[in-house]
Amino acid sequence: MSAKMKNTKLKKIKARLQKNGVRITEASSPYIVIANGGLGNGISIAQISNLLDKFGKVLAISSNIHKSYCGAHLDSENAALLAVSNIQGTVLHKELEDDKPCILHAFFVETFVYFEEDNEIISSHDEFPSGLFMIL
């Protein structure tokens, strides 16, 4: 895929996220959103947590069964910068849907993406052992 096509695809993904109320910013922050990384897209919280752990301490992850993206709060802007830089184009296989591939894209957001709907899952590494999540 050419650089121009990748840029166009990223712009479309950003536009869809913004249409859903996600406030994407170009400024780095410890908060990120991962497009195609939500429960609604067949990607588990554990998969996202394992991916993000490579870049720094994950303080929280928020996902919703009705959304194809998730929010994450990392312990520093540097950790988030590493995550955003390295996640672009990463392929994960959907644990929840017959191992189909899914391409992830990450962006900085102004504040933690917190879902206020049913079936919300929040994971905080400070409060729970790895793999254990609170379902609201």
C-alpha atoms as a PDB file:
ATOM      1  CA  MET A   1       0.000   0.000   0.000  1.00  0.00           C
ATOM      2  CA  SER A   2       1.403   3.404  -0.950  1.00  0.00           C
ATOM      3  CA  ALA A   3       2.047   6.139   1.629  1.00  0.00           C
ATOM      4  CA  LYS A   4      -0.750   8.225   0.107  1.00  0.00           C
ATOM      5  CA  MET A   5      -3.260   5.370   0.485  1.00  0.00           C
ATOM      6  CA  LYS A   6      -2.150   4.772   4.094  1.00  0.00           C
ATOM      7  CA  ASN A   7      -2.610   8.472   4.867  1.00  0.00           C
ATOM      8  CA  THR A   8      -6.097   8.445   3.350  1.00  0.00           C
ATOM      9  CA  LYS A   9      -7.022   5.324   5.337  1.00  0.00           C
ATOM     10  CA  LEU A  10      -5.762   6.860   8.610  1.00  0.00           C
ATOM     11  CA  LYS A  11      -7.773  10.028   7.931  1.00  0.00           C
ATOM     12  CA  LYS A  12     -10.929   7.935   7.435  1.00  0.00           C
ATOM     13  CA  ILE A  13     -10.294   6.001  10.648  1.00  0.00           C
ATOM     14  CA  LYS A  14      -9.740   9.264  12.576  1.00  0.00           C
ATOM     15  CA  ALA A  15     -12.942  10.723  11.112  1.00  0.00           C
ATOM     16  CA  ARG A  16     -14.968   7.677  12.222  1.00  0.00           C
ATOM     17  CA  LEU A  17     -13.547   7.874  15.733  1.00  0.00           C
ATOM     18  CA  GLN A  18     -14.273  11.602  15.929  1.00  0.00           C
ATOM     19  CA  LYS A  19     -17.822  10.976  14.695  1.00  0.00           C
ATOM     20  CA  ASN A  20     -18.181   8.693  17.752  1.00  0.00           C
ATOM     21  CA  GLY A  21     -17.095  11.540  20.022  1.00  0.00           C
ATOM     22  CA  VAL A  22     -13.451  10.510  20.472  1.00  0.00           C
ATOM     23  CA  ARG A  23     -11.337  13.661  20.865  1.00  0.00           C
ATOM     24  CA  ILE A  24      -8.141  12.850  18.951  1.00  0.00           C
ATOM     25  CA  THR A  25      -5.213  15.211  19.376  1.00  0.00           C
ATOM     26  CA  GLU A  26      -1.836  15.560  17.670  1.00  0.00           C
ATOM     27  CA  ALA A  27      -0.225  16.470  21.010  1.00  0.00           C
ATOM     28  CA  SER A  28       1.171  13.531  22.922  1.00  0.00           C
ATOM     29  CA  SER A  29      -0.598  12.485  26.098  1.00  0.00           C
ATOM     30  CA  PRO A  30      -0.689   9.362  28.265  1.00  0.00           C
ATOM     31  CA  TYR A  31      -4.139   8.568  26.816  1.00  0.00           C
ATOM     32  CA  ILE A  32      -4.582   6.699  23.532  1.00  0.00           C
ATOM     33  CA  VAL A  33      -7.373   5.193  21.493  1.00  0.00           C
ATOM     34  CA  ILE A  34      -6.822   2.017  19.502  1.00  0.00           C
ATOM     35  CA  ALA A  35      -8.981   1.746  16.396  1.00  0.00           C
ATOM     36  CA  ASN A  36     -10.121  -1.816  15.606  1.00  0.00           C
ATOM     37  CA  GLY A  37      -8.992  -2.844  19.103  1.00  0.00           C
ATOM     38  CA  GLY A  38     -12.349  -3.037  20.834  1.00  0.00           C
ATOM     39  CA  LEU A  39     -14.517  -5.860  22.060  1.00  0.00           C
ATOM     40  CA  GLY A  40     -17.021  -5.045  19.319  1.00  0.00           C
ATOM     41  CA  ASN A  41     -14.333  -5.929  16.812  1.00  0.00           C
ATOM     42  CA  GLY A  42     -13.442  -9.247  18.438  1.00  0.00           C
ATOM     43  CA  ILE A  43     -10.266  -8.100  20.198  1.00  0.00           C
ATOM     44  CA  SER A  44     -10.030  -8.982  23.886  1.00  0.00           C
ATOM     45  CA  ILE A  45      -8.869  -6.699  26.692  1.00  0.00           C
ATOM     46  CA  ALA A  46      -6.110  -9.225  27.450  1.00  0.00           C
ATOM     47  CA  GLN A  47      -4.777  -8.938  23.887  1.00  0.00           C
ATOM     48  CA  ILE A  48      -4.633  -5.136  24.141  1.00  0.00           C
ATOM     49  CA  SER A  49      -3.060  -5.306  27.586  1.00  0.00           C
ATOM     50  CA  ASN A  50      -0.361  -7.723  26.386  1.00  0.00           C
ATOM     51  CA  LEU A  51       0.380  -5.480  23.406  1.00  0.00           C
ATOM     52  CA  LEU A  52       0.619  -2.285  25.482  1.00  0.00           C
ATOM     53  CA  ASP A  53       2.707  -3.836  28.275  1.00  0.00           C
ATOM     54  CA  LYS A  54       5.675  -3.795  25.867  1.00  0.00           C
ATOM     55  CA  PHE A  55       5.719   0.016  25.886  1.00  0.00           C
ATOM     56  CA  GLY A  56       5.139   0.889  29.542  1.00  0.00           C
ATOM     57  CA  LYS A  57       2.848   0.387  32.492  1.00  0.00           C
ATOM     58  CA  VAL A  58      -0.824   0.243  31.547  1.00  0.00           C
ATOM     59  CA  LEU A  59      -2.961   2.011  34.162  1.00  0.00           C
ATOM     60  CA  ALA A  60      -6.357   1.289  32.598  1.00  0.00           C
ATOM     61  CA  ILE A  61      -8.107  -0.011  29.481  1.00  0.00           C
ATOM     62  CA  SER A  62     -11.721   0.692  28.623  1.00  0.00           C
ATOM     63  CA  SER A  63     -13.713  -1.214  26.013  1.00  0.00           C
ATOM     64  CA  ASN A  64     -17.327  -1.892  25.134  1.00  0.00           C
ATOM     65  CA  ILE A  65     -18.963  -4.776  23.295  1.00  0.00           C
ATOM     66  CA  HIS A  66     -20.692  -2.254  20.995  1.00  0.00           C
ATOM     67  CA  LYS A  67     -17.507  -0.406  19.934  1.00  0.00           C
ATOM     68  CA  SER A  68     -14.692  -1.404  17.600  1.00  0.00           C
ATOM     69  CA  TYR A  69     -12.127   0.683  19.484  1.00  0.00           C
ATOM     70  CA  CYS A  70     -10.791   0.903  23.015  1.00  0.00           C
ATOM     71  CA  GLY A  71      -9.192   3.507  25.228  1.00  0.00           C
ATOM     72  CA  ALA A  72      -6.005   3.088  27.213  1.00  0.00           C
ATOM     73  CA  HIS A  73      -4.216   5.090  29.891  1.00  0.00           C
ATOM     74  CA  LEU A  74      -0.472   4.534  30.109  1.00  0.00           C
ATOM     75  CA  ASP A  75       1.792   5.699  32.924  1.00  0.00           C
ATOM     76  CA  SER A  76       3.607   8.347  30.837  1.00  0.00           C
ATOM     77  CA  GLU A  77       3.493  10.310  27.617  1.00  0.00           C
ATOM     78  CA  ASN A  78       6.690   8.535  26.552  1.00  0.00           C
ATOM     79  CA  ALA A  79       5.055   5.113  26.961  1.00  0.00           C
ATOM     80  CA  ALA A  80       2.045   6.318  24.957  1.00  0.00           C
ATOM     81  CA  LEU A  81       4.330   7.739  22.263  1.00  0.00           C
ATOM     82  CA  LEU A  82       6.080   4.382  21.947  1.00  0.00           C
ATOM     83  CA  ALA A  83       2.714   2.622  21.780  1.00  0.00           C
ATOM     84  CA  VAL A  84       1.259   4.931  19.118  1.00  0.00           C
ATOM     85  CA  SER A  85       4.450   4.731  17.036  1.00  0.00           C
ATOM     86  CA  ASN A  86       4.670   0.947  17.182  1.00  0.00           C
ATOM     87  CA  ILE A  87       1.009  -0.081  17.002  1.00  0.00           C
ATOM     88  CA  GLN A  88       0.230   1.501  13.614  1.00  0.00           C
ATOM     89  CA  GLY A  89      -0.550  -1.370  11.259  1.00  0.00           C
ATOM     90  CA  THR A  90      -0.073  -4.110  13.863  1.00  0.00           C
ATOM     91  CA  VAL A  91      -2.077  -7.220  13.035  1.00  0.00           C
ATOM     92  CA  LEU A  92      -3.803  -9.068  15.874  1.00  0.00           C
ATOM     93  CA  HIS A  93      -5.937 -12.142  15.410  1.00  0.00           C
ATOM     94  CA  LYS A  94      -9.411 -11.868  16.859  1.00  0.00           C
ATOM     95  CA  GLU A  95      -9.669 -14.265  19.790  1.00  0.00           C
ATOM     96  CA  LEU A  96     -13.389 -13.710  19.897  1.00  0.00           C
ATOM     97  CA  GLU A  97     -14.069 -14.384  16.190  1.00  0.00           C
ATOM     98  CA  ASP A  98     -12.411 -17.485  14.754  1.00  0.00           C
ATOM     99  CA  ASP A  99      -8.882 -16.013  14.755  1.00  0.00           C
ATOM    100  CA  LYS A 100      -9.558 -13.515  11.917  1.00  0.00           C
ATOM    101  CA  PRO A 101      -6.843 -10.857  11.436  1.00  0.00           C
ATOM    102  CA  CYS A 102      -7.434  -7.268  12.520  1.00  0.00           C
ATOM    103  CA  ILE A 103      -5.212  -4.243  11.743  1.00  0.00           C
ATOM    104  CA  LEU A 104      -4.789  -1.810  14.650  1.00  0.00           C
ATOM    105  CA  HIS A 105      -4.208   1.951  14.557  1.00  0.00           C
ATOM    106  CA  ALA A 106      -3.474   4.122  17.590  1.00  0.00           C
ATOM    107  CA  PHE A 107      -3.928   7.847  18.218  1.00  0.00           C
ATOM    108  CA  PHE A 108      -3.460  10.228  21.125  1.00  0.00           C
ATOM    109  CA  VAL A 109      -6.611  11.504  22.812  1.00  0.00           C
ATOM    110  CA  GLU A 110      -7.159  14.430  25.178  1.00  0.00           C
ATOM    111  CA  THR A 111      -8.704  12.375  27.969  1.00  0.00           C
ATOM    112  CA  PHE A 112      -9.233   8.732  28.827  1.00  0.00           C
ATOM    113  CA  VAL A 113     -11.864   7.124  26.587  1.00  0.00           C
ATOM    114  CA  TYR A 114     -14.371   5.907  29.146  1.00  0.00           C
ATOM    115  CA  PHE A 115     -17.520   4.126  28.030  1.00  0.00           C
ATOM    116  CA  GLU A 116     -20.720   4.896  29.904  1.00  0.00           C
ATOM    117  CA  GLU A 117     -22.812   2.166  28.305  1.00  0.00           C
ATOM    118  CA  ASP A 118     -23.770  -1.381  29.252  1.00  0.00           C
ATOM    119  CA  ASN A 119     -21.178  -4.143  28.965  1.00  0.00           C
ATOM    120  CA  GLU A 120     -18.333  -1.840  29.820  1.00  0.00           C
ATOM    121  CA  ILE A 121     -15.057  -3.362  30.902  1.00  0.00           C
ATOM    122  CA  ILE A 122     -12.387  -1.465  32.775  1.00  0.00           C
ATOM    123  CA  SER A 123      -9.039  -2.994  33.586  1.00  0.00           C
ATOM    124  CA  SER A 124      -6.670  -1.346  35.998  1.00  0.00           C
ATOM    125  CA  HIS A 125      -3.387  -3.078  36.704  1.00  0.00           C
ATOM    126  CA  ASP A 126      -3.130  -1.318  40.072  1.00  0.00           C
ATOM    127  CA  GLU A 127      -6.379  -2.830  41.317  1.00  0.00           C
ATOM    128  CA  PHE A 128      -6.595  -6.307  39.787  1.00  0.00           C
ATOM    129  CA  PRO A 129      -4.249  -9.195  39.036  1.00  0.00           C
ATOM    130  CA  SER A 130      -3.340  -9.628  35.376  1.00  0.00           C
ATOM    131  CA  GLY A 131      -6.249 -11.055  33.387  1.00  0.00           C
ATOM    132  CA  LEU A 132      -8.901 -10.065  35.935  1.00  0.00           C
ATOM    133  CA  PHE A 133     -11.289  -7.274  34.860  1.00  0.00           C
ATOM    134  CA  MET A 134     -14.179  -5.387  36.402  1.00  0.00           C
ATOM    135  CA  ILE A 135     -17.416  -5.565  34.376  1.00  0.00           C
ATOM    136  CA  LEU A 136     -19.836  -2.736  35.038  1.00  0.00           C
END
